[in-house]
Amino acid sequence: MINENKSAGRYIVSFNASKFPSGIYYYKIKAGSYESIRKMMLIK
């Protein structure tokens, strides 16, 4: 889990899903007043 404040800019975040089963996962991105919930499909 990544839960930290960062200054403005572009970032790349690595996600190690080796211990998670295949399925649909939801993630949330928050930036100031902007908030977005998206879904990700993990297929192994």
PDB file of N, CA and C in Angstrom:
ATOM      1  N   MET A   1       0.852  -1.188   0.000  1.00  0.00           N
ATOM      2  CA  MET A   1       0.000   0.000   0.000  1.00  0.00           C
ATOM      3  C   MET A   1       0.891   1.242   0.000  1.00  0.00           C
ATOM      4  N   ILE A   2       0.494   2.209  -0.741  1.00  0.00           N
ATOM      5  CA  ILE A   2       1.195   3.485  -0.773  1.00  0.00           C
ATOM      6  C   ILE A   2       0.265   4.524  -0.185  1.00  0.00           C
ATOM      7  N   ASN A   3       0.698   5.140   0.870  1.00  0.00           N
ATOM      8  CA  ASN A   3      -0.132   6.120   1.542  1.00  0.00           C
ATOM      9  C   ASN A   3       0.771   7.239   2.043  1.00  0.00           C
ATOM     10  N   GLU A   4       1.158   8.126   1.152  1.00  0.00           N
ATOM     11  CA  GLU A   4       2.046   9.221   1.526  1.00  0.00           C
ATOM     12  C   GLU A   4       1.774  10.434   0.653  1.00  0.00           C
ATOM     13  N   ASN A   5       2.116  11.582   1.140  1.00  0.00           N
ATOM     14  CA  ASN A   5       1.971  12.822   0.380  1.00  0.00           C
ATOM     15  C   ASN A   5       3.190  13.007  -0.511  1.00  0.00           C
ATOM     16  N   LYS A   6       2.960  13.467  -1.728  1.00  0.00           N
ATOM     17  CA  LYS A   6       4.040  13.754  -2.664  1.00  0.00           C
ATOM     18  C   LYS A   6       3.802  15.121  -3.274  1.00  0.00           C
ATOM     19  N   SER A   7       4.882  15.780  -3.653  1.00  0.00           N
ATOM     20  CA  SER A   7       4.750  17.075  -4.314  1.00  0.00           C
ATOM     21  C   SER A   7       4.267  16.849  -5.747  1.00  0.00           C
ATOM     22  N   ALA A   8       3.827  17.901  -6.395  1.00  0.00           N
ATOM     23  CA  ALA A   8       3.299  17.804  -7.755  1.00  0.00           C
ATOM     24  C   ALA A   8       4.332  17.186  -8.688  1.00  0.00           C
ATOM     25  N   GLY A   9       3.878  16.389  -9.623  1.00  0.00           N
ATOM     26  CA  GLY A   9       4.774  15.765 -10.591  1.00  0.00           C
ATOM     27  C   GLY A   9       4.235  14.431 -11.055  1.00  0.00           C
ATOM     28  N   ARG A  10       5.033  13.719 -11.819  1.00  0.00           N
ATOM     29  CA  ARG A  10       4.667  12.390 -12.308  1.00  0.00           C
ATOM     30  C   ARG A  10       5.429  11.346 -11.517  1.00  0.00           C
ATOM     31  N   TYR A  11       4.754  10.250 -11.244  1.00  0.00           N
ATOM     32  CA  TYR A  11       5.355   9.180 -10.461  1.00  0.00           C
ATOM     33  C   TYR A  11       4.998   7.840 -11.067  1.00  0.00           C
ATOM     34  N   ILE A  12       5.891   6.878 -10.910  1.00  0.00           N
ATOM     35  CA  ILE A  12       5.639   5.501 -11.298  1.00  0.00           C
ATOM     36  C   ILE A  12       5.650   4.681 -10.013  1.00  0.00           C
ATOM     37  N   VAL A  13       4.610   3.887  -9.839  1.00  0.00           N
ATOM     38  CA  VAL A  13       4.481   3.069  -8.639  1.00  0.00           C
ATOM     39  C   VAL A  13       4.463   1.612  -9.062  1.00  0.00           C
ATOM     40  N   SER A  14       5.322   0.810  -8.456  1.00  0.00           N
ATOM     41  CA  SER A  14       5.344  -0.627  -8.737  1.00  0.00           C
ATOM     42  C   SER A  14       4.378  -1.336  -7.805  1.00  0.00           C
ATOM     43  N   PHE A  15       3.663  -2.298  -8.347  1.00  0.00           N
ATOM     44  CA  PHE A  15       2.692  -3.063  -7.579  1.00  0.00           C
ATOM     45  C   PHE A  15       3.020  -4.539  -7.748  1.00  0.00           C
ATOM     46  N   ASN A  16       3.433  -5.197  -6.667  1.00  0.00           N
ATOM     47  CA  ASN A  16       3.767  -6.621  -6.710  1.00  0.00           C
ATOM     48  C   ASN A  16       2.527  -7.420  -6.347  1.00  0.00           C
ATOM     49  N   ALA A  17       1.927  -8.052  -7.330  1.00  0.00           N
ATOM     50  CA  ALA A  17       0.682  -8.792  -7.125  1.00  0.00           C
ATOM     51  C   ALA A  17       0.921 -10.293  -7.035  1.00  0.00           C
ATOM     52  N   SER A  18       2.142 -10.709  -6.777  1.00  0.00           N
ATOM     53  CA  SER A  18       2.457 -12.144  -6.782  1.00  0.00           C
ATOM     54  C   SER A  18       1.702 -12.927  -5.715  1.00  0.00           C
ATOM     55  N   LYS A  19       1.294 -12.274  -4.642  1.00  0.00           N
ATOM     56  CA  LYS A  19       0.595 -12.972  -3.561  1.00  0.00           C
ATOM     57  C   LYS A  19      -0.928 -12.813  -3.632  1.00  0.00           C
ATOM     58  N   PHE A  20      -1.410 -12.144  -4.662  1.00  0.00           N
ATOM     59  CA  PHE A  20      -2.849 -11.930  -4.821  1.00  0.00           C
ATOM     60  C   PHE A  20      -3.411 -12.879  -5.868  1.00  0.00           C
ATOM     61  N   PRO A  21      -4.611 -13.394  -5.657  1.00  0.00           N
ATOM     62  CA  PRO A  21      -5.234 -14.234  -6.686  1.00  0.00           C
ATOM     63  C   PRO A  21      -5.762 -13.381  -7.843  1.00  0.00           C
ATOM     64  N   SER A  22      -6.021 -14.024  -8.965  1.00  0.00           N
ATOM     65  CA  SER A  22      -6.633 -13.332 -10.099  1.00  0.00           C
ATOM     66  C   SER A  22      -7.986 -12.775  -9.676  1.00  0.00           C
ATOM     67  N   GLY A  23      -8.355 -11.640 -10.243  1.00  0.00           N
ATOM     68  CA  GLY A  23      -9.650 -11.057  -9.921  1.00  0.00           C
ATOM     69  C   GLY A  23      -9.697  -9.586 -10.256  1.00  0.00           C
ATOM     70  N   ILE A  24     -10.765  -8.935  -9.832  1.00  0.00           N
ATOM     71  CA  ILE A  24     -10.954  -7.503 -10.024  1.00  0.00           C
ATOM     72  C   ILE A  24     -10.600  -6.793  -8.719  1.00  0.00           C
ATOM     73  N   TYR A  25      -9.768  -5.794  -8.822  1.00  0.00           N
ATOM     74  CA  TYR A  25      -9.355  -5.008  -7.658  1.00  0.00           C
ATOM     75  C   TYR A  25      -9.667  -3.545  -7.925  1.00  0.00           C
ATOM     76  N   TYR A  26     -10.004  -2.821  -6.893  1.00  0.00           N
ATOM     77  CA  TYR A  26     -10.292  -1.391  -6.990  1.00  0.00           C
ATOM     78  C   TYR A  26      -9.185  -0.620  -6.296  1.00  0.00           C
ATOM     79  N   TYR A  27      -8.813   0.531  -6.888  1.00  0.00           N
ATOM     80  CA  TYR A  27      -7.818   1.402  -6.257  1.00  0.00           C
ATOM     81  C   TYR A  27      -8.320   2.831  -6.308  1.00  0.00           C
ATOM     82  N   LYS A  28      -7.834   3.632  -5.372  1.00  0.00           N
ATOM     83  CA  LYS A  28      -8.269   5.024  -5.259  1.00  0.00           C
ATOM     84  C   LYS A  28      -7.067   5.949  -5.386  1.00  0.00           C
ATOM     85  N   ILE A  29      -7.234   7.012  -6.167  1.00  0.00           N
ATOM     86  CA  ILE A  29      -6.217   8.048  -6.310  1.00  0.00           C
ATOM     87  C   ILE A  29      -6.824   9.351  -5.810  1.00  0.00           C
ATOM     88  N   LYS A  30      -6.117  10.007  -4.902  1.00  0.00           N
ATOM     89  CA  LYS A  30      -6.587  11.287  -4.373  1.00  0.00           C
ATOM     90  C   LYS A  30      -5.491  12.329  -4.581  1.00  0.00           C
ATOM     91  N   ALA A  31      -5.902  13.512  -5.046  1.00  0.00           N
ATOM     92  CA  ALA A  31      -4.975  14.631  -5.231  1.00  0.00           C
ATOM     93  C   ALA A  31      -5.744  15.912  -4.944  1.00  0.00           C
ATOM     94  N   GLY A  32      -5.517  16.491  -3.797  1.00  0.00           N
ATOM     95  CA  GLY A  32      -6.262  17.685  -3.407  1.00  0.00           C
ATOM     96  C   GLY A  32      -7.736  17.346  -3.300  1.00  0.00           C
ATOM     97  N   SER A  33      -8.579  18.054  -4.036  1.00  0.00           N
ATOM     98  CA  SER A  33     -10.006  17.773  -4.008  1.00  0.00           C
ATOM     99  C   SER A  33     -10.406  16.716  -5.047  1.00  0.00           C
ATOM    100  N   TYR A  34      -9.462  16.294  -5.885  1.00  0.00           N
ATOM    101  CA  TYR A  34      -9.730  15.272  -6.903  1.00  0.00           C
ATOM    102  C   TYR A  34      -9.645  13.889  -6.271  1.00  0.00           C
ATOM    103  N   GLU A  35     -10.593  13.033  -6.577  1.00  0.00           N
ATOM    104  CA  GLU A  35     -10.585  11.658  -6.099  1.00  0.00           C
ATOM    105  C   GLU A  35     -11.155  10.764  -7.190  1.00  0.00           C
ATOM    106  N   SER A  36     -10.460   9.668  -7.477  1.00  0.00           N
ATOM    107  CA  SER A  36     -10.906   8.753  -8.519  1.00  0.00           C
ATOM    108  C   SER A  36     -10.750   7.320  -8.039  1.00  0.00           C
ATOM    109  N   ILE A  37     -11.787   6.523  -8.228  1.00  0.00           N
ATOM    110  CA  ILE A  37     -11.726   5.100  -7.922  1.00  0.00           C
ATOM    111  C   ILE A  37     -11.803   4.359  -9.257  1.00  0.00           C
ATOM    112  N   ARG A  38     -10.828   3.516  -9.511  1.00  0.00           N
ATOM    113  CA  ARG A  38     -10.748   2.773 -10.762  1.00  0.00           C
ATOM    114  C   ARG A  38     -10.666   1.281 -10.462  1.00  0.00           C
ATOM    115  N   LYS A  39     -10.884   0.483 -11.463  1.00  0.00           N
ATOM    116  CA  LYS A  39     -10.730  -0.949 -11.245  1.00  0.00           C
ATOM    117  C   LYS A  39      -9.608  -1.497 -12.106  1.00  0.00           C
ATOM    118  N   MET A  40      -8.995  -2.556 -11.607  1.00  0.00           N
ATOM    119  CA  MET A  40      -7.865  -3.189 -12.268  1.00  0.00           C
ATOM    120  C   MET A  40      -8.156  -4.682 -12.325  1.00  0.00           C
ATOM    121  N   MET A  41      -7.919  -5.301 -13.478  1.00  0.00           N
ATOM    122  CA  MET A  41      -8.110  -6.734 -13.615  1.00  0.00           C
ATOM    123  C   MET A  41      -6.741  -7.411 -13.523  1.00  0.00           C
ATOM    124  N   LEU A  42      -6.624  -8.338 -12.594  1.00  0.00           N
ATOM    125  CA  LEU A  42      -5.378  -9.091 -12.416  1.00  0.00           C
ATOM    126  C   LEU A  42      -5.610 -10.498 -12.947  1.00  0.00           C
ATOM    127  N   ILE A  43      -4.827 -10.874 -13.943  1.00  0.00           N
ATOM    128  CA  ILE A  43      -4.947 -12.199 -14.552  1.00  0.00           C
ATOM    129  C   ILE A  43      -3.595 -12.895 -14.417  1.00  0.00           C
ATOM    130  N   LYS A  44      -3.621 -14.082 -13.879  1.00  0.00           N
ATOM    131  CA  LYS A  44      -2.377 -14.852 -13.731  1.00  0.00           C
ATOM    132  C   LYS A  44      -2.392 -16.058 -14.623  1.00  0.00           C
TER     133      LYS A  44
END
